C-alpha atoms as a PDB file:
ATOM      1  CA  ASP A   1      -7.948  -5.025  17.107  1.00  0.00           C
ATOM      2  CA  LYS A   2      -9.022  -8.355  18.589  1.00  0.00           C
ATOM      3  CA  LEU A   3      -6.942  -8.205  21.759  1.00  0.00           C
ATOM      4  CA  PHE A   4      -7.175  -4.548  22.811  1.00  0.00           C
ATOM      5  CA  HIS A   5      -9.918  -2.032  23.483  1.00  0.00           C
ATOM      6  CA  PRO A   6     -10.475   0.113  20.337  1.00  0.00           C
ATOM      7  CA  THR A   7      -9.042   3.227  22.026  1.00  0.00           C
ATOM      8  CA  ARG A   8      -5.861   1.320  22.905  1.00  0.00           C
ATOM      9  CA  ALA A   9      -5.642  -0.428  19.531  1.00  0.00           C
ATOM     10  CA  VAL A  10      -5.601   2.947  17.771  1.00  0.00           C
ATOM     11  CA  GLN A  11      -2.684   4.131  19.904  1.00  0.00           C
ATOM     12  CA  LEU A  12      -0.717   0.926  19.355  1.00  0.00           C
ATOM     13  CA  LYS A  13      -1.207   0.968  15.582  1.00  0.00           C
ATOM     14  CA  LYS A  14      -0.149   4.607  15.456  1.00  0.00           C
ATOM     15  CA  ALA A  15       3.009   3.798  17.413  1.00  0.00           C
ATOM     16  CA  ILE A  16       3.877   0.822  15.193  1.00  0.00           C
ATOM     17  CA  GLY A  17       3.252   2.823  12.033  1.00  0.00           C
ATOM     18  CA  ASP A  18       4.114   1.538   8.584  1.00  0.00           C
ATOM     19  CA  THR A  19       6.638  -1.046   9.745  1.00  0.00           C
ATOM     20  CA  MET A  20       6.892  -4.816   9.804  1.00  0.00           C
ATOM     21  CA  TRP A  21       7.807  -6.710  12.955  1.00  0.00           C
ATOM     22  CA  VAL A  22       8.525 -10.354  13.653  1.00  0.00           C
ATOM     23  CA  VAL A  23       7.103 -11.869  16.839  1.00  0.00           C
ATOM     24  CA  LEU A  24       9.513 -14.478  18.135  1.00  0.00           C
ATOM     25  CA  ARG A  25       8.600 -17.503  20.220  1.00  0.00           C
ATOM     26  CA  ALA A  26      11.601 -19.616  21.206  1.00  0.00           C
ATOM     27  CA  PRO A  27      11.186 -23.085  22.757  1.00  0.00           C
ATOM     28  CA  THR A  28      11.192 -23.102  26.550  1.00  0.00           C
ATOM     29  CA  LEU A  29      13.887 -25.792  26.530  1.00  0.00           C
ATOM     30  CA  ALA A  30      16.226 -23.491  24.594  1.00  0.00           C
ATOM     31  CA  ILE A  31      15.841 -20.703  27.172  1.00  0.00           C
ATOM     32  CA  ARG A  32      16.310 -23.059  30.107  1.00  0.00           C
ATOM     33  CA  THR A  33      19.369 -24.666  28.563  1.00  0.00           C
ATOM     34  CA  ALA A  34      21.062 -21.310  27.877  1.00  0.00           C
ATOM     35  CA  ASP A  35      19.683 -18.066  29.319  1.00  0.00           C
ATOM     36  CA  GLY A  36      17.207 -15.295  28.524  1.00  0.00           C
ATOM     37  CA  ASP A  37      19.422 -13.929  25.759  1.00  0.00           C
ATOM     38  CA  GLU A  38      19.044 -17.184  23.840  1.00  0.00           C
ATOM     39  CA  ALA A  39      15.771 -15.738  22.541  1.00  0.00           C
ATOM     40  CA  HIS A  40      17.832 -12.955  20.985  1.00  0.00           C
ATOM     41  CA  ARG A  41      20.250 -15.369  19.319  1.00  0.00           C
ATOM     42  CA  TRP A  42      17.368 -17.598  18.264  1.00  0.00           C
ATOM     43  CA  ALA A  43      15.764 -14.656  16.489  1.00  0.00           C
ATOM     44  CA  ALA A  44      18.896 -13.921  14.493  1.00  0.00           C
ATOM     45  CA  MET A  45      19.458 -17.529  13.456  1.00  0.00           C
ATOM     46  CA  GLN A  46      15.888 -18.615  12.684  1.00  0.00           C
ATOM     47  CA  ASN A  47      14.873 -15.458  10.829  1.00  0.00           C
ATOM     48  CA  THR A  48      18.066 -15.474   8.800  1.00  0.00           C
ATOM     49  CA  MET A  49      17.565 -19.126   7.897  1.00  0.00           C
ATOM     50  CA  ALA A  50      13.956 -18.375   6.907  1.00  0.00           C
ATOM     51  CA  PHE A  51      15.159 -15.787   4.373  1.00  0.00           C
ATOM     52  CA  ILE A  52      17.906 -18.092   3.128  1.00  0.00           C
ATOM     53  CA  GLY A  53      15.428 -20.919   2.579  1.00  0.00           C
ATOM     54  CA  SER A  54      12.741 -18.733   1.014  1.00  0.00           C
ATOM     55  CA  TYR A  55      14.897 -16.778  -1.425  1.00  0.00           C
ATOM     56  CA  GLY A  56      17.811 -19.149  -1.997  1.00  0.00           C
ATOM     57  CA  LEU A  57      20.317 -16.648  -0.618  1.00  0.00           C
ATOM     58  CA  SER A  58      24.031 -17.220  -0.322  1.00  0.00           C
ATOM     59  CA  GLY A  59      27.101 -15.116   0.259  1.00  0.00           C
ATOM     60  CA  GLU A  60      28.476 -13.902   3.536  1.00  0.00           C
ATOM     61  CA  HIS A  61      27.763 -10.194   3.081  1.00  0.00           C
ATOM     62  CA  ILE A  62      24.035 -10.763   2.484  1.00  0.00           C
ATOM     63  CA  ILE A  63      23.715 -13.242   5.337  1.00  0.00           C
ATOM     64  CA  SER A  64      25.689 -11.079   7.749  1.00  0.00           C
ATOM     65  CA  ASP A  65      23.489  -8.056   6.988  1.00  0.00           C
ATOM     66  CA  LEU A  66      20.363 -10.073   7.704  1.00  0.00           C
ATOM     67  CA  ALA A  67      21.798 -11.536  10.905  1.00  0.00           C
ATOM     68  CA  PHE A  68      22.838  -8.094  12.158  1.00  0.00           C
ATOM     69  CA  ALA A  69      19.435  -6.630  11.384  1.00  0.00           C
ATOM     70  CA  PHE A  70      17.558  -9.406  13.163  1.00  0.00           C
ATOM     71  CA  LYS A  71      19.858  -9.425  16.180  1.00  0.00           C
ATOM     72  CA  HIS A  72      20.498  -5.718  16.719  1.00  0.00           C
ATOM     73  CA  ALA A  73      18.431  -3.384  14.554  1.00  0.00           C
ATOM     74  CA  ARG A  74      15.257  -2.272  16.356  1.00  0.00           C
ATOM     75  CA  ALA A  75      15.024  -5.445  18.409  1.00  0.00           C
ATOM     76  CA  VAL A  76      12.548  -5.046  21.274  1.00  0.00           C
ATOM     77  CA  LYS A  77      13.833  -6.791  24.391  1.00  0.00           C
ATOM     78  CA  MET A  78      12.048  -7.429  27.661  1.00  0.00           C
ATOM     79  CA  GLY A  79      15.173  -6.905  29.778  1.00  0.00           C
ATOM     80  CA  ASN A  80      18.573  -5.201  29.856  1.00  0.00           C
ATOM     81  CA  LYS A  81      21.904  -6.630  30.927  1.00  0.00           C
ATOM     82  CA  MET A  82      22.524  -7.033  34.637  1.00  0.00           C
ATOM     83  CA  TRP A  83      25.542  -5.976  36.654  1.00  0.00           C
ATOM     84  CA  TYR A  84      28.735  -7.888  35.980  1.00  0.00           C
ATOM     85  CA  GLN A  85      28.834  -9.900  39.219  1.00  0.00           C
ATOM     86  CA  ARG A  86      25.649 -11.620  38.078  1.00  0.00           C
ATOM     87  CA  MET A  87      26.255 -11.224  34.384  1.00  0.00           C
ATOM     88  CA  ARG A  88      24.089 -13.261  32.084  1.00  0.00           C
ATOM     89  CA  GLY A  89      22.461 -12.339  28.813  1.00  0.00           C
ATOM     90  CA  THR A  90      19.689  -9.826  28.319  1.00  0.00           C
ATOM     91  CA  ASN A  91      16.065 -10.774  28.976  1.00  0.00           C
ATOM     92  CA  GLU A  92      16.862 -12.221  32.381  1.00  0.00           C
ATOM     93  CA  ILE A  93      14.396 -11.230  35.111  1.00  0.00           C
ATOM     94  CA  GLY A  94      16.929  -9.188  37.063  1.00  0.00           C
ATOM     95  CA  GLY A  95      17.421  -6.975  34.018  1.00  0.00           C
ATOM     96  CA  MET A  96      13.759  -6.032  33.683  1.00  0.00           C
ATOM     97  CA  PRO A  97      13.154  -2.564  35.153  1.00  0.00           C
ATOM     98  CA  ASP A  98       9.749  -1.921  36.678  1.00  0.00           C
ATOM     99  CA  GLY A  99       8.987   0.474  33.834  1.00  0.00           C
ATOM    100  CA  TYR A 100       9.458  -2.333  31.316  1.00  0.00           C
ATOM    101  CA  ILE A 101       7.082  -4.555  33.256  1.00  0.00           C
ATOM    102  CA  ALA A 102       4.501  -1.771  33.281  1.00  0.00           C
ATOM    103  CA  ASP A 103       4.821  -1.577  29.491  1.00  0.00           C
ATOM    104  CA  PHE A 104       4.595  -5.240  28.567  1.00  0.00           C
ATOM    105  CA  MET A 105       1.895  -6.315  31.016  1.00  0.00           C
ATOM    106  CA  GLN A 106      -1.568  -6.233  29.400  1.00  0.00           C
ATOM    107  CA  ALA A 107      -3.906  -6.462  32.383  1.00  0.00           C
ATOM    108  CA  GLU A 108      -5.754  -3.293  31.370  1.00  0.00           C
ATOM    109  CA  ARG A 109      -5.990  -3.967  27.631  1.00  0.00           C
ATOM    110  CA  ASP A 110      -9.787  -4.466  27.661  1.00  0.00           C
ATOM    111  CA  LEU A 111     -10.436  -1.105  29.360  1.00  0.00           C
ATOM    112  CA  PRO A 112     -10.795   2.237  27.537  1.00  0.00           C
ATOM    113  CA  ALA A 113      -7.650   4.372  27.384  1.00  0.00           C
ATOM    114  CA  ARG A 114      -8.782   7.015  29.884  1.00  0.00           C
ATOM    115  CA  ARG A 115      -7.128   8.800  32.787  1.00  0.00           C
ATOM    116  CA  PHE A 116      -7.865   7.187  36.142  1.00  0.00           C
ATOM    117  CA  LEU A 117      -8.702  10.542  37.707  1.00  0.00           C
ATOM    118  CA  GLU A 118     -11.389  11.187  35.118  1.00  0.00           C
ATOM    119  CA  VAL A 119     -12.920   7.738  35.611  1.00  0.00           C
ATOM    120  CA  ALA A 120     -12.829   7.967  39.425  1.00  0.00           C
ATOM    121  CA  GLN A 121     -14.681  11.264  39.370  1.00  0.00           C
ATOM    122  CA  GLU A 122     -17.479   9.878  37.204  1.00  0.00           C
ATOM    123  CA  ASP A 123     -18.019   6.302  38.366  1.00  0.00           C
ATOM    124  CA  GLU A 124     -16.453   4.567  41.369  1.00  0.00           C
ATOM    125  CA  ASP A 125     -17.368   1.087  40.118  1.00  0.00           C
ATOM    126  CA  GLU A 126     -15.714   1.742  36.758  1.00  0.00           C
ATOM    127  CA  ALA A 127     -12.632   3.106  38.521  1.00  0.00           C
ATOM    128  CA  TYR A 128     -12.518  -0.088  40.549  1.00  0.00           C
ATOM    129  CA  LYS A 129     -11.985  -2.046  37.316  1.00  0.00           C
ATOM    130  CA  TYR A 130      -8.906   0.051  36.555  1.00  0.00           C
ATOM    131  CA  VAL A 131      -7.519  -0.498  40.033  1.00  0.00           C
ATOM    132  CA  LEU A 132      -8.111  -4.249  39.790  1.00  0.00           C
ATOM    133  CA  ALA A 133      -6.262  -4.281  36.465  1.00  0.00           C
ATOM    134  CA  LEU A 134      -3.388  -2.419  38.095  1.00  0.00           C
ATOM    135  CA  GLY A 135      -3.362  -4.921  40.942  1.00  0.00           C
ATOM    136  CA  GLU A 136      -3.407  -7.823  38.515  1.00  0.00           C
ATOM    137  CA  GLY A 137      -0.551  -6.361  36.493  1.00  0.00           C
ATOM    138  CA  SER A 138       1.848  -4.666  38.873  1.00  0.00           C
ATOM    139  CA  GLY A 139       0.654  -6.522  41.970  1.00  0.00           C
ATOM    140  CA  GLY A 140       0.529  -9.887  40.232  1.00  0.00           C
ATOM    141  CA  ILE A 141       2.848 -10.030  37.233  1.00  0.00           C
ATOM    142  CA  ALA A 142       5.458  -7.659  38.653  1.00  0.00           C
ATOM    143  CA  ALA A 143       5.320  -9.251  42.096  1.00  0.00           C
ATOM    144  CA  ILE A 144       5.822 -12.745  40.675  1.00  0.00           C
ATOM    145  CA  LEU A 145       8.737 -11.600  38.500  1.00  0.00           C
ATOM    146  CA  ASP A 146      10.414  -9.404  41.130  1.00  0.00           C
ATOM    147  CA  ASN A 147       9.620 -11.026  44.450  1.00  0.00           C
ATOM    148  CA  SER A 148       8.975 -14.698  43.756  1.00  0.00           C
ATOM    149  CA  LEU A 149      11.367 -15.386  40.886  1.00  0.00           C
ATOM    150  CA  TRP A 150      14.111 -12.776  41.213  1.00  0.00           C
ATOM    151  CA  LEU A 151      14.404 -12.026  44.925  1.00  0.00           C
ATOM    152  CA  GLY A 152      12.964 -15.286  46.223  1.00  0.00           C
ATOM    153  CA  PHE A 153      14.596 -17.717  43.795  1.00  0.00           C
ATOM    154  CA  TYR A 154      17.507 -16.238  41.846  1.00  0.00           C
ATOM    155  CA  MET A 155      18.947 -14.222  44.733  1.00  0.00           C
ATOM    156  CA  SER A 156      18.145 -16.205  47.858  1.00  0.00           C
ATOM    157  CA  GLY A 157      17.395 -19.740  46.756  1.00  0.00           C
ATOM    158  CA  GLY A 158      13.819 -19.647  48.037  1.00  0.00           C
ATOM    159  CA  ILE A 159      12.668 -18.170  51.349  1.00  0.00           C
ATOM    160  CA  GLY A 160       8.893 -18.346  50.970  1.00  0.00           C
ATOM    161  CA  PHE A 161       8.409 -15.195  48.921  1.00  0.00           C
ATOM    162  CA  SER A 162       5.952 -17.056  46.727  1.00  0.00           C
ATOM    163  CA  ASN A 163       3.651 -17.522  49.722  1.00  0.00           C
ATOM    164  CA  THR A 164       4.056 -13.852  50.624  1.00  0.00           C
ATOM    165  CA  VAL A 165       3.120 -12.667  47.141  1.00  0.00           C
ATOM    166  CA  ALA A 166       0.177 -15.050  46.910  1.00  0.00           C
ATOM    167  CA  ALA A 167      -1.158 -13.953  50.296  1.00  0.00           C
ATOM    168  CA  SER A 168      -1.098 -10.266  49.394  1.00  0.00           C
ATOM    169  CA  GLY A 169      -1.960 -10.459  45.726  1.00  0.00           C
ATOM    170  CA  LEU A 170      -4.706 -13.089  45.710  1.00  0.00           C
ATOM    171  CA  SER A 171      -6.636 -12.035  48.791  1.00  0.00           C
ATOM    172  CA  GLU A 172      -9.352  -9.387  48.995  1.00  0.00           C
ATOM    173  CA  VAL A 173      -7.240  -7.178  51.255  1.00  0.00           C
ATOM    174  CA  LEU A 174      -5.699  -5.076  48.478  1.00  0.00           C
ATOM    175  CA  ASN A 175      -9.134  -4.679  46.938  1.00  0.00           C
ATOM    176  CA  ASP A 176     -10.403  -3.086  50.144  1.00  0.00           C
ATOM    177  CA  PHE A 177      -7.434  -0.735  50.289  1.00  0.00           C
ATOM    178  CA  SER A 178      -8.051   0.144  46.643  1.00  0.00           C
ATOM    179  CA  ARG A 179     -11.667   0.999  47.411  1.00  0.00           C
ATOM    180  CA  GLU A 180     -10.451   3.559  49.936  1.00  0.00           C
ATOM    181  CA  LEU A 181      -8.240   5.175  47.291  1.00  0.00           C
ATOM    182  CA  ILE A 182     -11.172   5.381  44.871  1.00  0.00           C
ATOM    183  CA  GLU A 183     -13.484   6.885  47.491  1.00  0.00           C
ATOM    184  CA  LEU A 184     -10.911   9.520  48.419  1.00  0.00           C
ATOM    185  CA  SER A 185     -10.318  10.367  44.764  1.00  0.00           C
ATOM    186  CA  HIS A 186     -14.052  10.588  44.056  1.00  0.00           C
ATOM    187  CA  ARG A 187     -14.702  12.728  47.126  1.00  0.00           C
ATOM    188  CA  TYR A 188     -11.839  15.221  47.002  1.00  0.00           C
ATOM    189  CA  THR A 189     -10.892  15.629  43.337  1.00  0.00           C
ATOM    190  CA  GLN A 190     -14.228  16.646  41.785  1.00  0.00           C
ATOM    191  CA  GLY A 191     -13.655  19.357  39.210  1.00  0.00           C
ATOM    192  CA  VAL A 192      -9.896  18.718  39.094  1.00  0.00           C
ATOM    193  CA  ARG A 193      -8.963  17.869  35.523  1.00  0.00           C
ATOM    194  CA  LYS A 194      -5.364  16.912  36.217  1.00  0.00           C
ATOM    195  CA  VAL A 195      -3.300  16.500  39.363  1.00  0.00           C
ATOM    196  CA  PRO A 196       0.078  18.166  38.727  1.00  0.00           C
ATOM    197  CA  PRO A 197       3.085  15.896  39.275  1.00  0.00           C
ATOM    198  CA  LYS A 198       4.247  17.805  42.335  1.00  0.00           C
ATOM    199  CA  TRP A 199       4.850  16.362  45.756  1.00  0.00           C
ATOM    200  CA  GLU A 200       2.707  18.881  47.622  1.00  0.00           C
ATOM    201  CA  SER A 201      -0.210  17.953  45.363  1.00  0.00           C
ATOM    202  CA  ILE A 202      -0.390  14.258  46.248  1.00  0.00           C
ATOM    203  CA  ARG A 203       1.220  14.052  49.682  1.00  0.00           C
ATOM    204  CA  ILE A 204      -2.083  14.571  51.540  1.00  0.00           C
ATOM    205  CA  LEU A 205      -3.833  11.791  49.635  1.00  0.00           C
ATOM    206  CA  VAL A 206      -0.900   9.386  50.021  1.00  0.00           C
ATOM    207  CA  ASN A 207      -0.871  10.174  53.741  1.00  0.00           C
ATOM    208  CA  SER A 208      -4.591   9.375  53.937  1.00  0.00           C
ATOM    209  CA  VAL A 209      -4.174   6.022  52.177  1.00  0.00           C
ATOM    210  CA  VAL A 210      -1.197   5.058  54.353  1.00  0.00           C
ATOM    211  CA  GLN A 211      -3.026   6.069  57.527  1.00  0.00           C
ATOM    212  CA  TYR A 212      -6.070   4.000  56.530  1.00  0.00           C
ATOM    213  CA  MET A 213      -3.881   0.946  55.907  1.00  0.00           C
ATOM    214  CA  MET A 214      -1.985   1.304  59.190  1.00  0.00           C
ATOM    215  CA  GLU A 215      -5.241   1.693  61.097  1.00  0.00           C
ATOM    216  CA  SER A 216      -6.614  -1.411  59.366  1.00  0.00           C
ATOM    217  CA  TYR A 217      -3.618  -3.487  60.448  1.00  0.00           C
ATOM    218  CA  GLU A 218      -4.013  -2.276  64.013  1.00  0.00           C
ATOM    219  CA  LYS A 219      -7.775  -2.780  64.019  1.00  0.00           C
ATOM    220  CA  PHE A 220      -7.632  -6.354  62.716  1.00  0.00           C
ATOM    221  CA  PRO A 221      -4.816  -8.380  64.359  1.00  0.00           C
ATOM    222  CA  VAL A 222      -5.548 -11.373  62.126  1.00  0.00           C
ATOM    223  CA  LEU A 223      -4.759  -9.211  59.092  1.00  0.00           C
ATOM    224  CA  ALA A 224      -1.384  -8.338  60.609  1.00  0.00           C
ATOM    225  CA  GLU A 225      -0.735 -12.067  61.123  1.00  0.00           C
ATOM    226  CA  PHE A 226      -1.895 -12.824  57.588  1.00  0.00           C
ATOM    227  CA  HIS A 227       0.647 -10.335  56.205  1.00  0.00           C
ATOM    228  CA  TRP A 228       3.367 -11.713  58.434  1.00  0.00           C
ATOM    229  CA  GLY A 229       6.486  -9.686  59.080  1.00  0.00           C
ATOM    230  CA  GLY A 230       7.072  -5.973  59.076  1.00  0.00           C
ATOM    231  CA  ALA A 231       8.755  -6.099  55.685  1.00  0.00           C
ATOM    232  CA  HIS A 232       5.639  -7.688  54.204  1.00  0.00           C
ATOM    233  CA  ARG A 233       3.262  -5.076  55.591  1.00  0.00           C
ATOM    234  CA  VAL A 234       5.579  -2.204  54.728  1.00  0.00           C
ATOM    235  CA  SER A 235       5.889  -3.465  51.150  1.00  0.00           C
ATOM    236  CA  ILE A 236       2.092  -3.586  50.815  1.00  0.00           C
ATOM    237  CA  ILE A 237       1.808  -0.046  52.183  1.00  0.00           C
ATOM    238  CA  GLY A 238       4.538   1.106  49.800  1.00  0.00           C
ATOM    239  CA  SER A 239       2.773  -0.497  46.845  1.00  0.00           C
ATOM    240  CA  MET A 240      -0.451   1.334  47.621  1.00  0.00           C
ATOM    241  CA  GLY A 241       1.414   4.606  48.150  1.00  0.00           C
ATOM    242  CA  ALA A 242       3.138   4.220  44.799  1.00  0.00           C
ATOM    243  CA  GLY A 243      -0.056   3.212  43.023  1.00  0.00           C
ATOM    244  CA  SER A 244      -1.979   6.148  44.495  1.00  0.00           C
ATOM    245  CA  ALA A 245       0.571   8.732  43.384  1.00  0.00           C
ATOM    246  CA  ALA A 246       1.066   7.227  39.926  1.00  0.00           C
ATOM    247  CA  LEU A 247      -2.647   6.778  39.187  1.00  0.00           C
ATOM    248  CA  LEU A 248      -3.556  10.312  40.158  1.00  0.00           C
ATOM    249  CA  THR A 249      -0.729  12.089  38.337  1.00  0.00           C
ATOM    250  CA  GLY A 250       0.036   9.683  35.500  1.00  0.00           C
ATOM    251  CA  SER A 251       3.714  10.066  36.413  1.00  0.00           C
ATOM    252  CA  SER A 252       5.975   7.085  37.104  1.00  0.00           C
ATOM    253  CA  THR A 253       8.378   9.409  38.934  1.00  0.00           C
ATOM    254  CA  MET A 254       5.630  10.451  41.325  1.00  0.00           C
ATOM    255  CA  GLY A 255       4.819   6.778  41.760  1.00  0.00           C
ATOM    256  CA  LEU A 256       8.365   6.151  42.953  1.00  0.00           C
ATOM    257  CA  TRP A 257       8.181   9.136  45.279  1.00  0.00           C
ATOM    258  CA  GLY A 258       4.873   7.963  46.716  1.00  0.00           C
ATOM    259  CA  GLY A 259       6.159   4.427  47.236  1.00  0.00           C
ATOM    260  CA  TYR A 260       9.402   5.456  48.907  1.00  0.00           C
ATOM    261  CA  TYR A 261       7.608   8.007  51.060  1.00  0.00           C
ATOM    262  CA  ALA A 262       4.977   5.494  52.223  1.00  0.00           C
ATOM    263  CA  ILE A 263       7.656   2.946  53.137  1.00  0.00           C
ATOM    264  CA  ALA A 264       9.761   5.533  54.979  1.00  0.00           C
ATOM    265  CA  PHE A 265       6.640   6.819  56.749  1.00  0.00           C
ATOM    266  CA  ALA A 266       5.741   3.331  58.003  1.00  0.00           C
ATOM    267  CA  MET A 267       9.333   2.598  59.044  1.00  0.00           C
ATOM    268  CA  LYS A 268       9.510   5.893  60.934  1.00  0.00           C
ATOM    269  CA  GLU A 269       6.549   4.683  62.968  1.00  0.00           C
ATOM    270  CA  GLY A 270       8.473   1.517  63.848  1.00  0.00           C
ATOM    271  CA  TRP A 271       6.642  -0.854  61.528  1.00  0.00           C
ATOM    272  CA  LEU A 272       9.663  -2.696  60.126  1.00  0.00           C
END
């Protein structure tokens, strides 16, 4: 109730229901010494020991039941296991699908739980808050986890991805592109209650956003230098294409389609 907007708090409490959960916070040193899955093992050990100390428990069958429950039964993890060539425990960054990141980021927690399309039709300034929250979450949190830490550090040893993410995520450039999306949504979707998750429904709008971004890069050469490299610019275009499709339809699948289409569209024009 304190952390989330009332409309979101109601949904969260309904999802949790009449259950009891333990929030685990393991020391950073423990994670760094082992791996992400150490948090999982830490939960089993510390929670089991808490019950042993509180209730004076003994006996292997009781202890083993508690340990199994804490380690396996309804444990919420932030990441899955990775492929075997890079096998480490769960909760490593490479095992966090984008959908997980979208779930555990809380950038929009202070905003009412409303559909973006509905907000964009009523008030462009209010819709801008939702887009900024999306940029802060997926463009900030997800970009740091995926690009800076996973691709730029785990996989390659560091090739300047942190600078790339900072340049795109912390500048006002994405905000301007987001404004264009809001204006298009406000102008062309009046009276539309829901955009169906079909490709023919959102392709025109994604095309418009991509075209605006490509024209902006061509109009302002300094912007193209700021987002250095074709891969950088194409990734920004893909992010906006994905965000446009997902925001309008509420479908993560359409978000993937929009992102892949925008990237392929830019590459077809020789932008990579």
